[in-house]
Amino acid sequence: MKRWIKILIIPVILVIIIVAGIIFRINQNSEENDHVKTYGIVSGLNLDAARTYYKPETIKKFIDTISKDKGSYLMLHLTDNENFGIENKFLGQTTKNAKYVNGEYINKKTNKPFLSKQQLKELIAYGKQKHVSVFPEIEFPGHNKAAIQLLKAKKYPHLKSMMSFSNEFNFDDREANLYKKIIAEYMPLLPKNSYFGTGGDEISIDGHDDEVGIRQFDNNINRYLRSHGKVMMVWNDSIMKSQVNKYDKTIVVNYWSQSSAVTDPSNRKHLLAENASLPEINNAGIKTINNNQAMTYIVVDNGSLNKANLADFKNQLSGFNSGMWNDLDVTDQAPNGNNIGSAVSIWSNPNTKYTGAQIQADTVPWLDAYFKRINEFN
């Protein structure tokens, strides 16, 4: 009798394992499915709000344009080398210890403006009214001069030993724990299943140990974000060929260039040999959003938002589709449904004389052209 019980237990255990696997896969994709259900096919705008300061009323106008053009999200790139553009209690940048001038909070030590957490919360709520998901990108481990400046001001212990370069942190657990402390206060501001941008672009990866280290770092941060009901969005620079199959499948990758837009042939060859391509990422079961820098980047420099450049941008878009991922070869297409959409980006030259309001007004026809083209395929 006991023997028959043992025989019966084995298939029951197998059924439980299979069902658990199915449930895991459903849960694994639920965040992205919920996002698509709420906001439609994924197409969005990445706005450089670190190098250029945008007042909340200006950001609302961007949201209005995205909503009108049937886009689905706005990622606010709030931190970079030039500025940490959002309130952060852990870093000592708060509204209480800031100057308030003409509706702007200004850090008294850095003399740089920043959005308050309340303003970010209001922008998220405004976006929801317009069916546009609004969420921040807080860069790590690279592009961090501004954050490092704030950490130095608060005399954060062992800071120097945590840095690999003047603007970049190491990839170890200690640095991951620091990043969690920085972003923890934004978790309550964001709705369930919201994206959260973690940066990860243009970082220094030298050898196999670094390739493993950045993958472990990203998976660590992804587990943290998932525990708070958020979806991690990272740039593709972190994803190496040797590690792509070991990345958490719930991470969403912003794909802009396999070669980091490097023009020197020898350096580019090295990057192409090590950095995972969009097809390799998709075939590993990881979702991507195509940000092909050759097609979808609007770079704001003095005088750049002119009619001739707009005409060139529209001409580029005439041959573009969401699957056209390779900035070096327009014939390459995403291999499967894991490329879930595309995004347009507005990046600012730090020395541009354009104000945030001017950029918003002048880029409306650029954004209209992008979303019009993308909507032809949705």
Protein backbone atom coordinates (compact mmCIF):
# COMPACT_ATOMS: atom_id res chain seq x y z
CA MET A 1 0.00 0.00 0.00
CA LYS A 2 2.77 2.41 0.94
CA ARG A 3 4.48 1.58 -2.35
CA TRP A 4 1.39 2.61 -4.35
CA ILE A 5 1.15 5.85 -2.38
CA LYS A 6 4.73 6.66 -3.30
CA ILE A 7 3.99 5.93 -6.97
CA LEU A 8 0.96 8.23 -6.90
CA ILE A 9 2.86 11.04 -5.18
CA ILE A 10 5.41 11.36 -8.01
CA PRO A 11 2.94 12.44 -10.77
CA VAL A 12 1.16 14.75 -8.30
CA ILE A 13 4.45 16.49 -7.57
CA LEU A 14 5.15 16.79 -11.31
CA VAL A 15 1.74 18.38 -11.90
CA ILE A 16 2.37 20.86 -9.07
CA ILE A 17 5.74 21.81 -10.58
CA ILE A 18 4.21 22.34 -14.05
CA VAL A 19 1.35 24.45 -12.69
CA ALA A 20 3.80 26.50 -10.60
CA GLY A 21 5.88 27.12 -13.71
CA ILE A 22 2.86 28.32 -15.66
CA ILE A 23 1.84 30.66 -12.84
CA PHE A 24 5.41 32.00 -12.66
CA ARG A 25 5.43 32.80 -16.37
CA ILE A 26 2.05 34.52 -16.12
CA ASN A 27 3.25 36.63 -13.19
CA GLN A 28 6.53 37.32 -14.94
CA ASN A 29 4.75 39.02 -17.83
CA SER A 30 1.88 40.56 -15.88
CA GLU A 31 3.55 43.94 -15.35
CA GLU A 32 4.10 44.52 -19.06
CA ASN A 33 0.68 43.11 -19.98
CA ASP A 34 -0.99 45.40 -17.45
CA HIS A 35 0.95 48.37 -18.81
CA VAL A 36 -0.12 47.65 -22.39
CA LYS A 37 -3.72 47.11 -21.26
CA THR A 38 -3.71 50.47 -19.48
CA TYR A 39 -1.68 52.60 -21.85
CA GLY A 40 -1.80 50.85 -25.22
CA ILE A 41 1.05 49.71 -27.49
CA VAL A 42 4.40 50.83 -26.08
CA SER A 43 5.69 54.04 -27.65
CA GLY A 44 7.14 56.85 -25.65
CA LEU A 45 9.40 59.82 -25.09
CA ASN A 46 12.64 59.91 -23.11
CA LEU A 47 13.13 63.51 -21.95
CA ASP A 48 16.52 64.74 -20.75
CA ALA A 49 15.41 66.65 -17.66
CA ALA A 50 18.89 66.59 -16.11
CA ARG A 51 20.87 68.72 -18.56
CA THR A 52 17.84 70.97 -19.14
CA TYR A 53 15.45 71.92 -16.38
CA TYR A 54 11.75 71.72 -17.28
CA LYS A 55 9.14 73.33 -15.09
CA PRO A 56 6.19 71.07 -14.23
CA GLU A 57 3.82 73.07 -16.46
CA THR A 58 6.25 72.54 -19.36
CA ILE A 59 6.42 68.80 -18.71
CA LYS A 60 2.62 68.72 -18.74
CA LYS A 61 2.73 70.12 -22.27
CA PHE A 62 4.97 67.22 -23.31
CA ILE A 63 2.42 64.86 -21.75
CA ASP A 64 -0.34 66.62 -23.72
CA THR A 65 1.58 66.06 -26.96
CA ILE A 66 2.23 62.39 -26.19
CA SER A 67 -1.44 61.90 -25.32
CA LYS A 68 -2.64 63.69 -28.47
CA ASP A 69 -0.28 61.61 -30.59
CA LYS A 70 -1.38 58.33 -28.93
CA GLY A 71 1.94 57.65 -27.23
CA SER A 72 2.01 55.62 -24.03
CA TYR A 73 4.77 56.91 -21.75
CA LEU A 74 7.14 59.68 -20.70
CA MET A 75 10.45 58.72 -19.07
CA LEU A 76 11.97 61.68 -17.22
CA HIS A 77 15.76 61.34 -17.35
CA LEU A 78 16.22 63.25 -14.09
CA THR A 79 19.84 62.59 -13.18
CA ASP A 80 23.15 62.80 -15.00
CA ASN A 81 26.65 64.22 -14.58
CA GLU A 82 25.33 67.77 -14.87
CA ASN A 83 22.52 67.67 -12.32
CA PHE A 84 20.53 65.50 -9.93
CA GLY A 85 17.21 66.96 -11.00
CA ILE A 86 14.83 65.55 -8.38
CA GLU A 87 14.40 66.00 -4.63
CA ASN A 88 16.13 63.31 -2.58
CA LYS A 89 16.11 63.26 1.21
CA PHE A 90 18.83 60.61 1.44
CA LEU A 91 21.18 62.80 -0.62
CA GLY A 92 20.28 65.92 1.37
CA GLN A 93 18.55 67.70 -1.50
CA THR A 94 15.13 68.70 -0.19
CA THR A 95 12.62 71.49 -0.66
CA LYS A 96 13.14 72.53 2.97
CA ASN A 97 16.81 73.38 2.48
CA ALA A 98 16.44 74.79 -1.05
CA LYS A 99 15.86 78.28 -2.40
CA TYR A 100 12.50 78.85 -4.05
CA VAL A 101 12.83 81.28 -6.94
CA ASN A 102 10.18 81.92 -9.62
CA GLY A 103 8.49 78.61 -8.90
CA GLU A 104 11.74 76.61 -8.96
CA TYR A 105 13.47 74.75 -6.13
CA ILE A 106 17.21 75.45 -6.30
CA ASN A 107 19.90 73.62 -4.33
CA LYS A 108 21.79 76.27 -2.33
CA LYS A 109 25.10 74.39 -2.62
CA THR A 110 25.05 73.36 -6.27
CA ASN A 111 22.85 76.25 -7.46
CA LYS A 112 21.00 73.75 -9.68
CA PRO A 113 17.19 73.51 -9.98
CA PHE A 114 15.28 70.31 -9.24
CA LEU A 115 11.75 68.96 -9.17
CA SER A 116 10.18 68.16 -5.83
CA LYS A 117 8.82 64.70 -5.13
CA GLN A 118 5.38 66.27 -4.83
CA GLN A 119 5.75 67.76 -8.30
CA LEU A 120 6.76 64.36 -9.68
CA LYS A 121 3.75 62.79 -7.97
CA GLU A 122 1.47 65.40 -9.55
CA LEU A 123 3.00 64.79 -12.99
CA ILE A 124 2.39 61.05 -12.62
CA ALA A 125 -1.25 61.76 -11.72
CA TYR A 126 -1.61 64.20 -14.64
CA GLY A 127 -0.16 61.60 -17.00
CA LYS A 128 -2.65 59.01 -15.77
CA GLN A 129 -5.51 61.39 -16.62
CA LYS A 130 -4.07 61.64 -20.13
CA HIS A 131 -3.39 57.88 -20.42
CA VAL A 132 0.36 58.50 -20.40
CA SER A 133 2.58 56.60 -17.95
CA VAL A 134 5.08 59.02 -16.36
CA PHE A 135 8.10 57.64 -14.49
CA PRO A 136 11.65 58.68 -13.55
CA GLU A 137 15.05 57.46 -14.62
CA ILE A 138 17.68 57.66 -11.88
CA GLU A 139 21.06 56.84 -13.44
CA PHE A 140 23.38 54.23 -11.94
CA PRO A 141 26.18 53.16 -11.94
CA GLY A 142 27.41 55.69 -14.54
CA HIS A 143 26.62 59.33 -15.32
CA ASN A 144 26.81 60.11 -11.60
CA LYS A 145 28.96 63.21 -11.04
CA ALA A 146 25.99 65.15 -9.66
CA ALA A 147 25.00 62.38 -7.24
CA ILE A 148 28.62 61.97 -6.14
CA GLN A 149 28.80 65.71 -5.45
CA LEU A 150 25.77 65.42 -3.16
CA LEU A 151 27.23 62.35 -1.43
CA LYS A 152 30.50 64.21 -0.83
CA ALA A 153 28.56 67.11 0.69
CA LYS A 154 26.99 64.75 3.24
CA LYS A 155 30.37 63.07 3.82
CA TYR A 156 29.11 59.64 2.88
CA PRO A 157 31.54 57.01 4.29
CA HIS A 158 33.88 55.02 2.02
CA LEU A 159 32.63 56.90 -1.04
CA LYS A 160 35.98 56.99 -2.83
CA SER A 161 36.41 53.22 -2.56
CA MET A 162 32.98 52.74 -4.15
CA MET A 163 33.89 54.68 -7.29
CA SER A 164 35.58 53.23 -10.36
CA PHE A 165 35.83 56.62 -12.11
CA SER A 166 34.96 60.22 -11.25
CA ASN A 167 31.40 59.73 -12.51
CA GLU A 168 30.89 55.99 -12.06
CA PHE A 169 30.38 53.48 -9.27
CA ASN A 170 31.52 49.87 -8.97
CA PHE A 171 29.01 47.05 -9.55
CA ASP A 172 29.19 45.27 -6.18
CA ASP A 173 26.51 44.67 -3.53
CA ARG A 174 27.69 47.69 -1.53
CA GLU A 175 27.00 49.99 -4.47
CA ALA A 176 23.69 48.25 -5.18
CA ASN A 177 22.64 48.91 -1.59
CA LEU A 178 23.57 52.58 -1.99
CA TYR A 179 21.43 52.82 -5.12
CA LYS A 180 18.50 51.23 -3.30
CA LYS A 181 18.81 53.87 -0.56
CA ILE A 182 18.73 56.61 -3.21
CA ILE A 183 15.67 55.32 -5.07
CA ALA A 184 13.67 53.98 -2.11
CA GLU A 185 11.80 57.24 -1.56
CA TYR A 186 10.40 57.18 -5.11
CA MET A 187 8.76 53.78 -4.76
CA PRO A 188 5.60 55.06 -2.98
CA LEU A 189 5.10 57.74 -5.64
CA LEU A 190 4.70 55.30 -8.50
CA PRO A 191 1.69 53.09 -9.26
CA LYS A 192 1.88 49.31 -9.39
CA ASN A 193 3.50 47.98 -12.57
CA SER A 194 5.08 51.34 -13.39
CA TYR A 195 8.36 51.32 -15.24
CA PHE A 196 11.40 52.63 -13.37
CA GLY A 197 14.48 53.68 -15.37
CA THR A 198 17.83 52.69 -13.86
CA GLY A 199 20.19 54.00 -16.55
CA GLY A 200 23.15 51.70 -17.12
CA ASP A 201 24.30 53.35 -20.35
CA GLU A 202 27.87 54.22 -21.35
CA ILE A 203 29.49 52.41 -18.45
CA SER A 204 33.01 50.98 -18.33
CA ILE A 205 33.06 47.20 -18.63
CA ASP A 206 36.54 45.72 -18.77
CA GLY A 207 36.78 41.95 -18.87
CA HIS A 208 34.69 38.98 -17.81
CA ASP A 209 34.52 39.89 -14.12
CA ASP A 210 32.90 43.22 -14.99
CA GLU A 211 30.48 41.50 -17.37
CA VAL A 212 29.39 39.18 -14.57
CA GLY A 213 29.37 42.02 -12.05
CA ILE A 214 27.04 44.32 -13.99
CA ARG A 215 24.66 41.42 -14.71
CA GLN A 216 24.54 40.54 -11.00
CA PHE A 217 24.03 44.22 -10.16
CA ASP A 218 21.15 44.59 -12.63
CA ASN A 219 19.44 41.40 -11.44
CA ASN A 220 19.86 42.55 -7.84
CA ILE A 221 18.17 45.90 -8.58
CA ASN A 222 15.47 44.16 -10.60
CA ARG A 223 14.58 41.95 -7.64
CA TYR A 224 14.35 45.05 -5.46
CA LEU A 225 12.11 46.89 -7.93
CA ARG A 226 9.88 43.84 -8.43
CA SER A 227 9.46 43.59 -4.66
CA HIS A 228 7.98 47.10 -4.87
CA GLY A 229 5.79 46.26 -7.86
CA LYS A 230 7.87 48.13 -10.45
CA VAL A 231 9.28 47.14 -13.85
CA MET A 232 12.99 47.81 -14.35
CA MET A 233 14.00 49.60 -17.55
CA VAL A 234 17.74 49.63 -18.33
CA TRP A 235 19.79 50.72 -21.35
CA ASN A 236 21.35 47.96 -23.43
CA ASP A 237 24.97 48.96 -22.68
CA SER A 238 24.82 46.71 -19.60
CA ILE A 239 23.87 43.56 -21.51
CA MET A 240 26.87 41.52 -22.64
CA LYS A 241 26.79 38.55 -25.01
CA SER A 242 28.40 36.34 -22.37
CA GLN A 243 25.67 37.14 -19.81
CA VAL A 244 22.51 37.79 -21.83
CA ASN A 245 20.96 34.40 -21.05
CA LYS A 246 21.48 34.92 -17.31
CA TYR A 247 19.52 38.16 -17.07
CA ASP A 248 16.12 38.24 -15.37
CA LYS A 249 13.45 37.97 -18.05
CA THR A 250 11.29 40.65 -16.40
CA ILE A 251 13.78 43.44 -17.16
CA VAL A 252 12.84 45.70 -20.08
CA VAL A 253 15.79 46.96 -22.15
CA ASN A 254 15.97 50.36 -23.84
CA TYR A 255 17.99 49.55 -26.96
CA TRP A 256 19.79 52.50 -28.53
CA SER A 257 23.04 51.19 -30.09
CA GLN A 258 25.11 48.03 -29.97
CA SER A 259 28.28 50.09 -30.38
CA SER A 260 27.27 52.99 -28.09
CA ALA A 261 27.37 55.13 -31.26
CA VAL A 262 31.19 54.93 -31.30
CA THR A 263 32.57 56.03 -34.67
CA ASP A 264 36.18 54.79 -34.37
CA PRO A 265 36.26 51.45 -36.28
CA SER A 266 38.63 49.63 -33.89
CA ASN A 267 36.71 50.62 -30.76
CA ARG A 268 33.41 49.87 -32.46
CA LYS A 269 34.59 46.39 -33.49
CA HIS A 270 35.46 45.64 -29.86
CA LEU A 271 32.01 46.75 -28.65
CA LEU A 272 30.14 44.84 -31.36
CA ALA A 273 32.00 41.68 -30.35
CA GLU A 274 31.03 41.99 -26.67
CA ASN A 275 27.72 43.87 -26.45
CA ALA A 276 24.56 41.85 -27.04
CA SER A 277 22.54 42.78 -30.10
CA LEU A 278 18.80 43.41 -29.89
CA PRO A 279 18.02 40.03 -31.53
CA GLU A 280 20.26 38.27 -28.98
CA ILE A 281 18.43 40.02 -26.14
CA ASN A 282 15.01 39.18 -27.61
CA ASN A 283 15.99 35.57 -28.26
CA ALA A 284 17.03 35.29 -24.60
CA GLY A 285 13.41 36.02 -23.71
CA ILE A 286 13.96 39.66 -22.68
CA LYS A 287 11.71 42.46 -23.91
CA THR A 288 13.16 45.54 -25.60
CA ILE A 289 11.99 49.00 -26.60
CA ASN A 290 13.75 50.17 -29.74
CA ASN A 291 15.49 53.54 -29.28
CA ASN A 292 17.62 53.40 -32.45
CA GLN A 293 19.82 56.46 -31.97
CA ALA A 294 20.32 56.99 -35.70
CA MET A 295 16.57 57.32 -36.25
CA THR A 296 14.88 58.49 -33.06
CA TYR A 297 17.30 60.83 -31.26
CA ILE A 298 16.59 64.57 -31.18
CA VAL A 299 19.79 66.22 -29.91
CA VAL A 300 19.27 69.81 -28.81
CA ASP A 301 22.20 72.09 -29.48
CA ASN A 302 22.27 75.78 -30.26
CA GLY A 303 20.25 76.30 -33.43
CA SER A 304 19.61 72.58 -33.98
CA LEU A 305 15.81 72.72 -33.88
CA ASN A 306 15.53 74.31 -37.30
CA LYS A 307 13.40 73.55 -40.36
CA ALA A 308 16.20 71.87 -42.29
CA ASN A 309 16.99 69.44 -39.46
CA LEU A 310 13.28 68.75 -38.96
CA ALA A 311 13.00 67.89 -42.66
CA ASP A 312 15.96 65.49 -42.32
CA PHE A 313 14.35 63.90 -39.25
CA LYS A 314 11.08 63.36 -41.11
CA ASN A 315 12.96 61.89 -44.05
CA GLN A 316 14.72 59.41 -41.74
CA LEU A 317 11.42 58.43 -40.18
CA SER A 318 9.88 57.74 -43.58
CA GLY A 319 11.93 54.54 -43.74
CA PHE A 320 11.70 53.65 -40.05
CA ASN A 321 9.66 51.04 -38.20
CA SER A 322 9.71 49.89 -34.57
CA GLY A 323 11.72 46.78 -35.39
CA MET A 324 14.58 48.61 -37.15
CA TRP A 325 17.08 48.30 -34.33
CA ASN A 326 20.54 48.48 -35.91
CA ASP A 327 21.92 52.02 -36.18
CA LEU A 328 24.60 50.70 -38.58
CA ASP A 329 22.36 48.61 -40.88
CA VAL A 330 18.77 49.63 -41.61
CA THR A 331 17.92 46.19 -43.03
CA ASP A 332 18.18 44.45 -39.64
CA GLN A 333 14.82 43.79 -37.97
CA ALA A 334 13.81 42.64 -34.50
CA PRO A 335 13.34 38.85 -34.60
CA ASN A 336 10.12 38.36 -32.61
CA GLY A 337 7.43 39.87 -30.43
CA ASN A 338 9.83 40.56 -27.58
CA ASN A 339 10.57 43.96 -29.12
CA ILE A 340 7.43 45.60 -27.73
CA GLY A 341 7.71 49.08 -29.24
CA SER A 342 9.93 52.09 -29.71
CA ALA A 343 10.68 55.48 -28.20
CA VAL A 344 11.92 58.90 -29.27
CA SER A 345 14.44 60.82 -27.16
CA ILE A 346 15.18 64.50 -26.60
CA TRP A 347 18.74 64.93 -25.33
CA SER A 348 20.26 68.31 -24.48
CA ASN A 349 23.79 69.53 -25.03
CA PRO A 350 24.79 70.89 -21.58
CA ASN A 351 25.78 74.22 -23.16
CA THR A 352 22.60 74.77 -25.13
CA LYS A 353 20.96 78.17 -24.79
CA TYR A 354 17.49 76.76 -25.36
CA THR A 355 15.22 76.97 -22.32
CA GLY A 356 12.97 74.08 -21.37
CA ALA A 357 9.94 76.02 -22.60
CA GLN A 358 11.61 76.72 -25.96
CA ILE A 359 12.57 73.07 -26.42
CA GLN A 360 9.02 71.97 -25.65
CA ALA A 361 7.48 74.39 -28.13
CA ASP A 362 10.02 73.76 -30.90
CA THR A 363 9.96 69.95 -30.67
CA VAL A 364 6.18 69.56 -31.07
CA PRO A 365 6.44 68.99 -34.86
CA TRP A 366 9.32 66.55 -34.31
CA LEU A 367 7.29 64.50 -31.84
CA ASP A 368 4.20 64.68 -34.05
CA ALA A 369 6.24 63.28 -36.94
CA TYR A 370 7.66 60.44 -34.82
CA PHE A 371 4.36 59.29 -33.33
CA LYS A 372 2.57 59.62 -36.66
CA ARG A 373 5.08 57.23 -38.23
CA ILE A 374 4.95 54.76 -35.33
CA ASN A 375 1.15 54.77 -35.28
CA GLU A 376 1.14 53.55 -38.87
CA PHE A 377 2.33 50.16 -37.55
CA ASN A 378 0.21 49.95 -34.37
